[in-house]
Amino acid sequence: MKRIALLSDTHGFLDAKILKYVQQADEIWHAGDFGNLEVADALAAIKPLRGVYGNVDGHLLRNIYPLHQKFFARKCMCG
């Protein structure tokens, strides 16, 4: 089973407690308001990152992360 760390509204700050949990995840999803590119880059350096921009995010983040994202589950063809 895949573990997703879901967070939002970091507003330019990553607490050490958050980093503890994202390191345990397989993927990070950020639901907007990164606050700055450094937060997005720090998260992406830990695990694969998917995200959308929020109203506080400037043009750099808006160029990288869309306003909306859709994810589709893949059927497991295991064993």
N, C-alpha and C. Protein backbone atom coordinates (compact mmCIF):
# COMPACT_ATOMS: atom_id res chain seq x y z
N MET A 1 0.84 -1.16 0.00
CA MET A 1 0.00 0.00 0.00
C MET A 1 0.90 1.25 0.00
N LYS A 2 0.55 2.21 -0.82
CA LYS A 2 1.31 3.45 -0.93
C LYS A 2 0.91 4.41 0.18
N ARG A 3 1.90 5.06 0.80
CA ARG A 3 1.65 6.06 1.84
C ARG A 3 1.80 7.45 1.23
N ILE A 4 0.76 8.26 1.41
CA ILE A 4 0.75 9.62 0.89
C ILE A 4 0.80 10.59 2.06
N ALA A 5 1.74 11.50 2.04
CA ALA A 5 1.75 12.60 3.01
C ALA A 5 1.03 13.77 2.35
N LEU A 6 -0.07 14.17 2.93
CA LEU A 6 -0.89 15.25 2.39
C LEU A 6 -0.76 16.46 3.29
N LEU A 7 -0.33 17.59 2.71
CA LEU A 7 -0.21 18.80 3.49
C LEU A 7 -0.55 20.01 2.64
N SER A 8 -0.74 21.13 3.31
CA SER A 8 -1.03 22.38 2.61
C SER A 8 -0.69 23.54 3.53
N ASP A 9 -0.76 24.72 2.98
CA ASP A 9 -0.61 25.96 3.74
C ASP A 9 0.66 26.00 4.58
N THR A 10 1.77 25.61 3.98
CA THR A 10 3.05 25.69 4.68
C THR A 10 3.55 27.13 4.76
N HIS A 11 3.11 27.97 3.83
CA HIS A 11 3.42 29.40 3.85
C HIS A 11 4.90 29.70 4.10
N GLY A 12 5.76 28.91 3.44
CA GLY A 12 7.19 29.17 3.50
C GLY A 12 7.90 28.58 4.69
N PHE A 13 7.24 27.72 5.47
CA PHE A 13 7.85 27.16 6.67
C PHE A 13 7.61 25.66 6.74
N LEU A 14 8.67 24.90 6.96
CA LEU A 14 8.57 23.45 7.16
C LEU A 14 9.05 23.11 8.56
N ASP A 15 8.15 22.70 9.40
CA ASP A 15 8.48 22.30 10.76
C ASP A 15 9.17 20.94 10.74
N ALA A 16 10.06 20.69 11.68
CA ALA A 16 10.77 19.41 11.76
C ALA A 16 9.80 18.25 11.94
N LYS A 17 8.66 18.49 12.60
CA LYS A 17 7.66 17.44 12.79
C LYS A 17 7.07 17.01 11.45
N ILE A 18 6.87 17.96 10.56
CA ILE A 18 6.34 17.64 9.22
C ILE A 18 7.36 16.80 8.47
N LEU A 19 8.62 17.18 8.54
CA LEU A 19 9.67 16.44 7.82
C LEU A 19 9.75 15.00 8.29
N LYS A 20 9.51 14.77 9.57
CA LYS A 20 9.52 13.40 10.11
C LYS A 20 8.47 12.54 9.40
N TYR A 21 7.29 13.09 9.19
CA TYR A 21 6.22 12.33 8.56
C TYR A 21 6.40 12.17 7.05
N VAL A 22 6.87 13.21 6.38
CA VAL A 22 7.02 13.09 4.93
C VAL A 22 8.13 12.10 4.56
N GLN A 23 9.10 11.94 5.43
CA GLN A 23 10.15 10.97 5.17
C GLN A 23 9.63 9.54 5.22
N GLN A 24 8.53 9.32 5.93
CA GLN A 24 7.94 7.99 6.04
C GLN A 24 6.99 7.68 4.88
N ALA A 25 6.65 8.68 4.09
CA ALA A 25 5.69 8.51 3.00
C ALA A 25 6.39 8.04 1.73
N ASP A 26 5.58 7.54 0.80
CA ASP A 26 6.09 7.17 -0.51
C ASP A 26 6.01 8.35 -1.47
N GLU A 27 5.04 9.23 -1.22
CA GLU A 27 4.80 10.39 -2.08
C GLU A 27 4.27 11.53 -1.22
N ILE A 28 4.53 12.76 -1.65
CA ILE A 28 4.03 13.94 -0.95
C ILE A 28 3.07 14.67 -1.87
N TRP A 29 1.91 15.02 -1.34
CA TRP A 29 0.94 15.85 -2.07
C TRP A 29 0.77 17.14 -1.29
N HIS A 30 0.95 18.25 -1.96
CA HIS A 30 0.79 19.56 -1.34
C HIS A 30 -0.41 20.26 -1.98
N ALA A 31 -1.37 20.63 -1.15
CA ALA A 31 -2.64 21.19 -1.64
C ALA A 31 -2.66 22.71 -1.69
N GLY A 32 -1.51 23.32 -1.93
CA GLY A 32 -1.47 24.76 -2.17
C GLY A 32 -0.94 25.59 -1.03
N ASP A 33 -0.53 26.81 -1.39
CA ASP A 33 0.09 27.76 -0.47
C ASP A 33 1.43 27.24 0.07
N PHE A 34 2.31 26.86 -0.86
CA PHE A 34 3.68 26.50 -0.49
C PHE A 34 4.33 27.68 0.24
N GLY A 35 4.15 28.86 -0.30
CA GLY A 35 4.75 30.05 0.29
C GLY A 35 6.00 30.50 -0.44
N ASN A 36 6.84 29.54 -0.82
CA ASN A 36 8.02 29.87 -1.62
C ASN A 36 8.55 28.61 -2.28
N LEU A 37 9.41 28.82 -3.24
CA LEU A 37 9.97 27.71 -4.01
C LEU A 37 10.88 26.83 -3.15
N GLU A 38 11.50 27.39 -2.14
CA GLU A 38 12.39 26.62 -1.28
C GLU A 38 11.65 25.49 -0.57
N VAL A 39 10.41 25.75 -0.15
CA VAL A 39 9.62 24.70 0.49
C VAL A 39 9.33 23.58 -0.49
N ALA A 40 8.90 23.93 -1.69
CA ALA A 40 8.61 22.91 -2.71
C ALA A 40 9.87 22.11 -3.03
N ASP A 41 10.98 22.78 -3.20
CA ASP A 41 12.24 22.09 -3.51
C ASP A 41 12.68 21.18 -2.37
N ALA A 42 12.52 21.62 -1.14
CA ALA A 42 12.90 20.80 0.02
C ALA A 42 12.05 19.54 0.08
N LEU A 43 10.75 19.67 -0.17
CA LEU A 43 9.87 18.50 -0.15
C LEU A 43 10.21 17.55 -1.31
N ALA A 44 10.43 18.11 -2.48
CA ALA A 44 10.75 17.30 -3.66
C ALA A 44 12.08 16.57 -3.51
N ALA A 45 12.97 17.10 -2.70
CA ALA A 45 14.26 16.44 -2.47
C ALA A 45 14.11 15.22 -1.55
N ILE A 46 13.01 15.15 -0.82
CA ILE A 46 12.78 14.05 0.12
C ILE A 46 12.06 12.89 -0.57
N LYS A 47 10.95 13.19 -1.22
CA LYS A 47 10.11 12.18 -1.88
C LYS A 47 9.49 12.81 -3.12
N PRO A 48 8.94 11.99 -4.03
CA PRO A 48 8.23 12.56 -5.18
C PRO A 48 7.11 13.49 -4.70
N LEU A 49 7.01 14.65 -5.34
CA LEU A 49 6.07 15.68 -4.91
C LEU A 49 5.07 15.98 -6.01
N ARG A 50 3.80 15.99 -5.64
CA ARG A 50 2.73 16.47 -6.52
C ARG A 50 2.08 17.63 -5.78
N GLY A 51 1.73 18.66 -6.50
CA GLY A 51 1.12 19.78 -5.81
C GLY A 51 0.37 20.70 -6.74
N VAL A 52 -0.36 21.59 -6.13
CA VAL A 52 -1.07 22.66 -6.83
C VAL A 52 -0.71 23.97 -6.15
N TYR A 53 -0.83 25.05 -6.90
CA TYR A 53 -0.51 26.34 -6.27
C TYR A 53 -1.73 26.88 -5.53
N GLY A 54 -1.45 27.74 -4.57
CA GLY A 54 -2.50 28.40 -3.81
C GLY A 54 -2.45 29.90 -4.03
N ASN A 55 -3.33 30.61 -3.37
CA ASN A 55 -3.45 32.05 -3.61
C ASN A 55 -2.24 32.85 -3.14
N VAL A 56 -1.42 32.32 -2.24
CA VAL A 56 -0.24 33.06 -1.80
C VAL A 56 1.00 32.76 -2.65
N ASP A 57 0.90 31.79 -3.54
CA ASP A 57 2.05 31.37 -4.34
C ASP A 57 2.24 32.28 -5.55
N GLY A 58 3.47 32.70 -5.74
CA GLY A 58 3.80 33.60 -6.83
C GLY A 58 3.94 32.91 -8.17
N HIS A 59 4.39 33.69 -9.15
CA HIS A 59 4.44 33.19 -10.53
C HIS A 59 5.39 32.02 -10.72
N LEU A 60 6.48 31.94 -9.96
CA LEU A 60 7.40 30.81 -10.11
C LEU A 60 6.71 29.49 -9.78
N LEU A 61 6.02 29.46 -8.65
CA LEU A 61 5.31 28.24 -8.26
C LEU A 61 4.14 27.97 -9.19
N ARG A 62 3.48 29.01 -9.65
CA ARG A 62 2.34 28.83 -10.56
C ARG A 62 2.78 28.27 -11.91
N ASN A 63 4.03 28.53 -12.29
CA ASN A 63 4.56 27.97 -13.54
C ASN A 63 4.93 26.50 -13.40
N ILE A 64 5.20 26.07 -12.18
CA ILE A 64 5.61 24.68 -11.94
C ILE A 64 4.41 23.82 -11.57
N TYR A 65 3.57 24.34 -10.69
CA TYR A 65 2.44 23.57 -10.18
C TYR A 65 1.14 24.17 -10.71
N PRO A 66 0.24 23.32 -11.23
CA PRO A 66 -1.01 23.84 -11.80
C PRO A 66 -2.02 24.20 -10.71
N LEU A 67 -3.12 24.79 -11.13
CA LEU A 67 -4.21 25.11 -10.20
C LEU A 67 -4.97 23.84 -9.82
N HIS A 68 -5.08 22.90 -10.76
CA HIS A 68 -5.80 21.64 -10.53
C HIS A 68 -4.96 20.47 -10.98
N GLN A 69 -5.08 19.36 -10.28
CA GLN A 69 -4.45 18.11 -10.72
C GLN A 69 -5.43 16.98 -10.49
N LYS A 70 -5.42 16.02 -11.39
CA LYS A 70 -6.23 14.82 -11.23
C LYS A 70 -5.29 13.62 -11.21
N PHE A 71 -5.55 12.71 -10.30
CA PHE A 71 -4.75 11.50 -10.19
C PHE A 71 -5.66 10.31 -10.40
N PHE A 72 -5.17 9.34 -11.13
CA PHE A 72 -5.93 8.13 -11.39
C PHE A 72 -5.18 6.94 -10.84
N ALA A 73 -5.88 6.10 -10.09
CA ALA A 73 -5.27 4.91 -9.52
C ALA A 73 -5.02 3.89 -10.63
N ARG A 74 -3.89 3.25 -10.54
CA ARG A 74 -3.59 2.18 -11.48
C ARG A 74 -3.95 0.86 -10.83
N LYS A 75 -4.54 0.01 -11.62
CA LYS A 75 -4.90 -1.31 -11.12
C LYS A 75 -3.62 -2.14 -10.98
N CYS A 76 -3.46 -2.75 -9.84
CA CYS A 76 -2.28 -3.58 -9.60
C CYS A 76 -2.42 -4.91 -10.31
N MET A 77 -1.42 -5.25 -11.07
CA MET A 77 -1.39 -6.53 -11.76
C MET A 77 -0.39 -7.44 -11.03
N CYS A 78 -0.54 -7.48 -9.72
CA CYS A 78 0.41 -8.21 -8.87
C CYS A 78 0.16 -9.70 -8.91
N GLY A 79 1.24 -10.44 -8.77
CA GLY A 79 1.28 -11.87 -8.58
C GLY A 79 0.36 -12.62 -9.37
